[in-house]
Amino acid sequence: MSSRFAPLLGGLGLVVAVAGCGGSGSEGAFRPAGDVNTRSTTAMPSQAGRPGPVDTPALTPVIIAQYKRFQKVYETSFAMNDTSELAGVATEPILGQLLRTAQRARSQGIFWRYHNVLNPKLASITEDGRQAVVLDCVQTLGTFKYDARTGRRLTANETVGQTRYRALMRLVGGTWKLSDSRSEVRKC
């Protein structure tokens, strides 16, 4: 199931929206493939313009750290209704989707708090070394909707849920940023 920030269906809807913050249609370029257990060195243009190897083992911790940073900034942004740090960890098309969703929450006078437990794995890196796919089994420990004016909790979904999550990371200006994602609410 692809998640696109449709109107939320209570706490379970937020689990999908929070863990799968965005998505791409069938016409999009996001088509992750690969096995998390197979990693190889692929070709990437070197400084001289000639193909050189992409050092996948060296890039893996950098990409995973940036993916985790995105998730933390995303969680904080929606808990505080402050999206000022999102552009540092996300790029289009997902950045615009997140900003619109946050604006909608602000206009409704609500904010969301939740916490996800992450278990990301690098699935693949493109040959040019500028895109990577991260697969994750996100475990949501609960979602809570609050009134932004009073701080009163409006709804709670304390049920633990799992979401299969695929994130497309892109190298933008020397920084790995999340640009697209797909999610499925199901055991992983």
C-alpha atoms as a PDB file:
ATOM      1  CA  MET A   1       0.000   0.000   0.000  1.00  0.00           C
ATOM      2  CA  SER A   2       1.465   3.345  -0.977  1.00  0.00           C
ATOM      3  CA  SER A   3       0.965   6.127   1.502  1.00  0.00           C
ATOM      4  CA  ARG A   4       0.287   9.687   0.257  1.00  0.00           C
ATOM      5  CA  PHE A   5      -0.840  11.661   3.315  1.00  0.00           C
ATOM      6  CA  ALA A   6      -4.528  11.236   2.683  1.00  0.00           C
ATOM      7  CA  PRO A   7      -6.831  12.324   5.482  1.00  0.00           C
ATOM      8  CA  LEU A   8      -5.787  10.351   8.489  1.00  0.00           C
ATOM      9  CA  LEU A   9      -7.966   7.540   9.765  1.00  0.00           C
ATOM     10  CA  GLY A  10      -7.260   7.906  13.446  1.00  0.00           C
ATOM     11  CA  GLY A  11      -4.085   6.572  15.042  1.00  0.00           C
ATOM     12  CA  LEU A  12      -3.639   3.720  12.573  1.00  0.00           C
ATOM     13  CA  GLY A  13      -3.746   6.196   9.699  1.00  0.00           C
ATOM     14  CA  LEU A  14      -0.984   8.164  11.352  1.00  0.00           C
ATOM     15  CA  VAL A  15       1.140   5.042  11.667  1.00  0.00           C
ATOM     16  CA  VAL A  16       0.980   4.709   7.898  1.00  0.00           C
ATOM     17  CA  ALA A  17       1.515   8.408   7.298  1.00  0.00           C
ATOM     18  CA  VAL A  18       4.325   8.696   9.816  1.00  0.00           C
ATOM     19  CA  ALA A  19       6.178   5.583   8.790  1.00  0.00           C
ATOM     20  CA  GLY A  20       5.441   5.957   5.093  1.00  0.00           C
ATOM     21  CA  CYS A  21       5.703   9.657   4.623  1.00  0.00           C
ATOM     22  CA  GLY A  22       5.096   9.902   0.936  1.00  0.00           C
ATOM     23  CA  GLY A  23       5.086   7.630  -2.002  1.00  0.00           C
ATOM     24  CA  SER A  24       5.441   7.475  -5.705  1.00  0.00           C
ATOM     25  CA  GLY A  25       2.926   6.443  -8.265  1.00  0.00           C
ATOM     26  CA  SER A  26       3.535   3.868 -10.948  1.00  0.00           C
ATOM     27  CA  GLU A  27       4.883   6.562 -13.264  1.00  0.00           C
ATOM     28  CA  GLY A  28       7.608   7.633 -10.809  1.00  0.00           C
ATOM     29  CA  ALA A  29      11.266   6.714 -10.924  1.00  0.00           C
ATOM     30  CA  PHE A  30      11.273   5.069  -7.502  1.00  0.00           C
ATOM     31  CA  ARG A  31      11.610   1.387  -8.260  1.00  0.00           C
ATOM     32  CA  PRO A  32      13.769  -0.145  -5.536  1.00  0.00           C
ATOM     33  CA  ALA A  33      15.255  -3.486  -6.302  1.00  0.00           C
ATOM     34  CA  GLY A  34      17.938  -5.470  -4.646  1.00  0.00           C
ATOM     35  CA  ASP A  35      18.557  -7.748  -1.778  1.00  0.00           C
ATOM     36  CA  VAL A  36      19.831  -6.383   1.508  1.00  0.00           C
ATOM     37  CA  ASN A  37      22.159  -9.368   1.711  1.00  0.00           C
ATOM     38  CA  THR A  38      23.925  -8.636  -1.577  1.00  0.00           C
ATOM     39  CA  ARG A  39      26.208  -5.675  -1.720  1.00  0.00           C
ATOM     40  CA  SER A  40      28.679  -5.016  -4.447  1.00  0.00           C
ATOM     41  CA  THR A  41      30.977  -2.351  -5.714  1.00  0.00           C
ATOM     42  CA  THR A  42      29.434  -0.504  -8.656  1.00  0.00           C
ATOM     43  CA  ALA A  43      30.826   1.998 -11.115  1.00  0.00           C
ATOM     44  CA  MET A  44      30.781   5.730 -10.375  1.00  0.00           C
ATOM     45  CA  PRO A  45      32.449   8.592 -12.227  1.00  0.00           C
ATOM     46  CA  SER A  46      35.716   9.549 -10.577  1.00  0.00           C
ATOM     47  CA  GLN A  47      37.121  13.057 -10.245  1.00  0.00           C
ATOM     48  CA  ALA A  48      38.791  12.713 -13.663  1.00  0.00           C
ATOM     49  CA  GLY A  49      35.477  11.743 -15.277  1.00  0.00           C
ATOM     50  CA  ARG A  50      36.438   8.099 -15.713  1.00  0.00           C
ATOM     51  CA  PRO A  51      34.365   5.366 -14.113  1.00  0.00           C
ATOM     52  CA  GLY A  52      35.579   4.322 -10.705  1.00  0.00           C
ATOM     53  CA  PRO A  53      34.166   2.028  -8.041  1.00  0.00           C
ATOM     54  CA  VAL A  54      31.507   3.098  -5.556  1.00  0.00           C
ATOM     55  CA  ASP A  55      32.740   2.057  -2.121  1.00  0.00           C
ATOM     56  CA  THR A  56      29.457   0.580  -0.892  1.00  0.00           C
ATOM     57  CA  PRO A  57      30.797  -0.656   2.479  1.00  0.00           C
ATOM     58  CA  ALA A  58      32.164   2.824   3.244  1.00  0.00           C
ATOM     59  CA  LEU A  59      28.937   4.576   2.191  1.00  0.00           C
ATOM     60  CA  THR A  60      26.599   2.261   4.100  1.00  0.00           C
ATOM     61  CA  PRO A  61      27.062   3.825   7.578  1.00  0.00           C
ATOM     62  CA  VAL A  62      26.852   7.347   6.115  1.00  0.00           C
ATOM     63  CA  ILE A  63      23.588   6.646   4.274  1.00  0.00           C
ATOM     64  CA  ILE A  64      22.047   4.787   7.234  1.00  0.00           C
ATOM     65  CA  ALA A  65      23.017   7.634   9.602  1.00  0.00           C
ATOM     66  CA  GLN A  66      21.342  10.188   7.311  1.00  0.00           C
ATOM     67  CA  TYR A  67      18.230   8.017   7.046  1.00  0.00           C
ATOM     68  CA  LYS A  68      18.041   7.844  10.863  1.00  0.00           C
ATOM     69  CA  ARG A  69      18.619  11.590  11.063  1.00  0.00           C
ATOM     70  CA  PHE A  70      15.692  12.140   8.675  1.00  0.00           C
ATOM     71  CA  GLN A  71      13.439   9.981  10.852  1.00  0.00           C
ATOM     72  CA  LYS A  72      14.431  11.888  14.015  1.00  0.00           C
ATOM     73  CA  VAL A  73      13.934  15.320  12.406  1.00  0.00           C
ATOM     74  CA  TYR A  74      10.600  14.164  10.979  1.00  0.00           C
ATOM     75  CA  GLU A  75       9.417  12.947  14.390  1.00  0.00           C
ATOM     76  CA  THR A  76      10.489  16.183  16.070  1.00  0.00           C
ATOM     77  CA  SER A  77       9.004  18.371  13.324  1.00  0.00           C
ATOM     78  CA  PHE A  78       5.529  16.921  13.789  1.00  0.00           C
ATOM     79  CA  ALA A  79       5.763  16.884  17.584  1.00  0.00           C
ATOM     80  CA  MET A  80       6.686  20.579  17.663  1.00  0.00           C
ATOM     81  CA  ASN A  81       4.820  21.728  14.508  1.00  0.00           C
ATOM     82  CA  ASP A  82       8.155  23.167  13.351  1.00  0.00           C
ATOM     83  CA  THR A  83       9.351  22.120   9.900  1.00  0.00           C
ATOM     84  CA  SER A  84      12.409  24.379   9.754  1.00  0.00           C
ATOM     85  CA  GLU A  85      14.888  21.473   9.787  1.00  0.00           C
ATOM     86  CA  LEU A  86      13.168  19.261   7.200  1.00  0.00           C
ATOM     87  CA  ALA A  87      14.960  20.784   4.192  1.00  0.00           C
ATOM     88  CA  GLY A  88      18.264  19.623   5.695  1.00  0.00           C
ATOM     89  CA  VAL A  89      17.200  15.956   5.595  1.00  0.00           C
ATOM     90  CA  ALA A  90      14.586  15.741   2.798  1.00  0.00           C
ATOM     91  CA  THR A  91      14.303  16.818  -0.823  1.00  0.00           C
ATOM     92  CA  GLU A  92      11.535  16.864  -3.412  1.00  0.00           C
ATOM     93  CA  PRO A  93       9.104  15.311  -3.949  1.00  0.00           C
ATOM     94  CA  ILE A  94       8.722  14.230  -0.307  1.00  0.00           C
ATOM     95  CA  LEU A  95       9.770  17.586   1.159  1.00  0.00           C
ATOM     96  CA  GLY A  96       6.758  19.367  -0.342  1.00  0.00           C
ATOM     97  CA  GLN A  97       4.427  16.606   0.838  1.00  0.00           C
ATOM     98  CA  LEU A  98       5.753  16.847   4.394  1.00  0.00           C
ATOM     99  CA  LEU A  99       5.482  20.634   4.467  1.00  0.00           C
ATOM    100  CA  ARG A 100       1.878  20.511   3.247  1.00  0.00           C
ATOM    101  CA  THR A 101       0.977  17.844   5.815  1.00  0.00           C
ATOM    102  CA  ALA A 102       2.537  19.863   8.634  1.00  0.00           C
ATOM    103  CA  GLN A 103       0.716  23.008   7.471  1.00  0.00           C
ATOM    104  CA  ARG A 104      -2.565  21.085   7.444  1.00  0.00           C
ATOM    105  CA  ALA A 105      -1.948  19.918  11.042  1.00  0.00           C
ATOM    106  CA  ARG A 106      -1.145  23.499  12.123  1.00  0.00           C
ATOM    107  CA  SER A 107      -4.294  24.823  10.466  1.00  0.00           C
ATOM    108  CA  GLN A 108      -6.339  22.153  12.290  1.00  0.00           C
ATOM    109  CA  GLY A 109      -4.738  23.190  15.577  1.00  0.00           C
ATOM    110  CA  ILE A 110      -3.202  19.765  16.271  1.00  0.00           C
ATOM    111  CA  PHE A 111       0.180  18.123  16.551  1.00  0.00           C
ATOM    112  CA  TRP A 112       1.280  14.492  16.608  1.00  0.00           C
ATOM    113  CA  ARG A 113       3.670  12.668  18.875  1.00  0.00           C
ATOM    114  CA  TYR A 114       4.899   9.157  18.259  1.00  0.00           C
ATOM    115  CA  HIS A 115       8.061   7.138  18.359  1.00  0.00           C
ATOM    116  CA  ASN A 116       9.381   4.691  15.783  1.00  0.00           C
ATOM    117  CA  VAL A 117      11.978   2.000  16.375  1.00  0.00           C
ATOM    118  CA  LEU A 118      14.105   1.667  13.256  1.00  0.00           C
ATOM    119  CA  ASN A 119      16.005  -1.261  11.773  1.00  0.00           C
ATOM    120  CA  PRO A 120      17.329   0.071   8.445  1.00  0.00           C
ATOM    121  CA  LYS A 121      19.426  -1.858   5.931  1.00  0.00           C
ATOM    122  CA  LEU A 122      21.038  -0.528   2.777  1.00  0.00           C
ATOM    123  CA  ALA A 123      19.520  -2.436  -0.157  1.00  0.00           C
ATOM    124  CA  SER A 124      21.311  -0.846  -3.103  1.00  0.00           C
ATOM    125  CA  ILE A 125      23.238   2.097  -4.459  1.00  0.00           C
ATOM    126  CA  THR A 126      22.937   3.208  -8.081  1.00  0.00           C
ATOM    127  CA  GLU A 127      25.911   2.846 -10.383  1.00  0.00           C
ATOM    128  CA  ASP A 128      26.570   6.581 -10.332  1.00  0.00           C
ATOM    129  CA  GLY A 129      26.603   6.568  -6.513  1.00  0.00           C
ATOM    130  CA  ARG A 130      24.010   9.334  -6.210  1.00  0.00           C
ATOM    131  CA  GLN A 131      20.936   7.333  -5.111  1.00  0.00           C
ATOM    132  CA  ALA A 132      20.426   4.572  -2.597  1.00  0.00           C
ATOM    133  CA  VAL A 133      17.533   2.464  -1.379  1.00  0.00           C
ATOM    134  CA  VAL A 134      17.126   1.848   2.355  1.00  0.00           C
ATOM    135  CA  LEU A 135      14.758  -0.891   3.538  1.00  0.00           C
ATOM    136  CA  ASP A 136      13.405  -0.757   7.061  1.00  0.00           C
ATOM    137  CA  CYS A 137      11.032  -2.537   9.377  1.00  0.00           C
ATOM    138  CA  VAL A 138       9.631   0.395  11.345  1.00  0.00           C
ATOM    139  CA  GLN A 139       7.977  -0.434  14.635  1.00  0.00           C
ATOM    140  CA  THR A 140       5.654   2.320  15.862  1.00  0.00           C
ATOM    141  CA  LEU A 141       5.294   2.335  19.639  1.00  0.00           C
ATOM    142  CA  GLY A 142       2.204   4.522  19.667  1.00  0.00           C
ATOM    143  CA  THR A 143       0.715   7.632  18.100  1.00  0.00           C
ATOM    144  CA  PHE A 144      -0.880  10.481  19.992  1.00  0.00           C
ATOM    145  CA  LYS A 145      -2.806  13.491  18.666  1.00  0.00           C
ATOM    146  CA  TYR A 146      -2.786  16.684  20.775  1.00  0.00           C
ATOM    147  CA  ASP A 147      -4.599  20.001  20.765  1.00  0.00           C
ATOM    148  CA  ALA A 148      -1.929  22.593  19.884  1.00  0.00           C
ATOM    149  CA  ARG A 149      -3.619  25.339  21.935  1.00  0.00           C
ATOM    150  CA  THR A 150      -4.279  23.464  25.182  1.00  0.00           C
ATOM    151  CA  GLY A 151      -1.765  20.602  24.937  1.00  0.00           C
ATOM    152  CA  ARG A 152      -4.560  18.171  25.810  1.00  0.00           C
ATOM    153  CA  ARG A 153      -4.274  14.707  24.295  1.00  0.00           C
ATOM    154  CA  LEU A 154      -7.153  14.136  21.881  1.00  0.00           C
ATOM    155  CA  THR A 155      -6.529  10.565  20.717  1.00  0.00           C
ATOM    156  CA  ALA A 156      -4.126   7.760  21.451  1.00  0.00           C
ATOM    157  CA  ASN A 157      -3.233   4.602  19.621  1.00  0.00           C
ATOM    158  CA  GLU A 158      -0.876   2.730  21.898  1.00  0.00           C
ATOM    159  CA  THR A 159      -0.917  -0.412  19.780  1.00  0.00           C
ATOM    160  CA  VAL A 160       2.472  -1.383  18.463  1.00  0.00           C
ATOM    161  CA  GLY A 161       2.492  -1.637  14.690  1.00  0.00           C
ATOM    162  CA  GLN A 162       5.032  -2.657  12.084  1.00  0.00           C
ATOM    163  CA  THR A 163       5.518  -1.025   8.713  1.00  0.00           C
ATOM    164  CA  ARG A 164       7.636  -2.244   5.826  1.00  0.00           C
ATOM    165  CA  TYR A 165       9.325   0.900   4.597  1.00  0.00           C
ATOM    166  CA  ARG A 166      11.440   1.662   1.513  1.00  0.00           C
ATOM    167  CA  ALA A 167      13.227   4.980   1.325  1.00  0.00           C
ATOM    168  CA  LEU A 168      14.948   6.481  -1.680  1.00  0.00           C
ATOM    169  CA  MET A 169      17.931   8.522  -0.561  1.00  0.00           C
ATOM    170  CA  ARG A 170      19.580  10.995  -2.955  1.00  0.00           C
ATOM    171  CA  LEU A 171      22.923  12.712  -2.719  1.00  0.00           C
ATOM    172  CA  VAL A 172      22.109  16.444  -2.898  1.00  0.00           C
ATOM    173  CA  GLY A 173      24.888  18.981  -2.512  1.00  0.00           C
ATOM    174  CA  GLY A 174      27.091  16.435  -0.744  1.00  0.00           C
ATOM    175  CA  THR A 175      24.354  15.379   1.735  1.00  0.00           C
ATOM    176  CA  TRP A 176      22.215  12.244   1.574  1.00  0.00           C
ATOM    177  CA  LYS A 177      18.530  13.257   1.799  1.00  0.00           C
ATOM    178  CA  LEU A 178      15.329  11.249   1.706  1.00  0.00           C
ATOM    179  CA  SER A 179      13.433  12.024  -1.490  1.00  0.00           C
ATOM    180  CA  ASP A 180      10.705   9.403  -1.730  1.00  0.00           C
ATOM    181  CA  SER A 181       9.254   6.469   0.187  1.00  0.00           C
ATOM    182  CA  ARG A 182       6.772   3.648   0.092  1.00  0.00           C
ATOM    183  CA  SER A 183       5.269   1.782   2.992  1.00  0.00           C
ATOM    184  CA  GLU A 184       3.076  -1.183   3.759  1.00  0.00           C
ATOM    185  CA  VAL A 185       1.446  -1.708   7.146  1.00  0.00           C
ATOM    186  CA  ARG A 186       2.245  -5.356   7.760  1.00  0.00           C
ATOM    187  CA  LYS A 187       4.637  -7.532   9.678  1.00  0.00           C
ATOM    188  CA  CYS A 188       8.164  -7.540   8.410  1.00  0.00           C
END
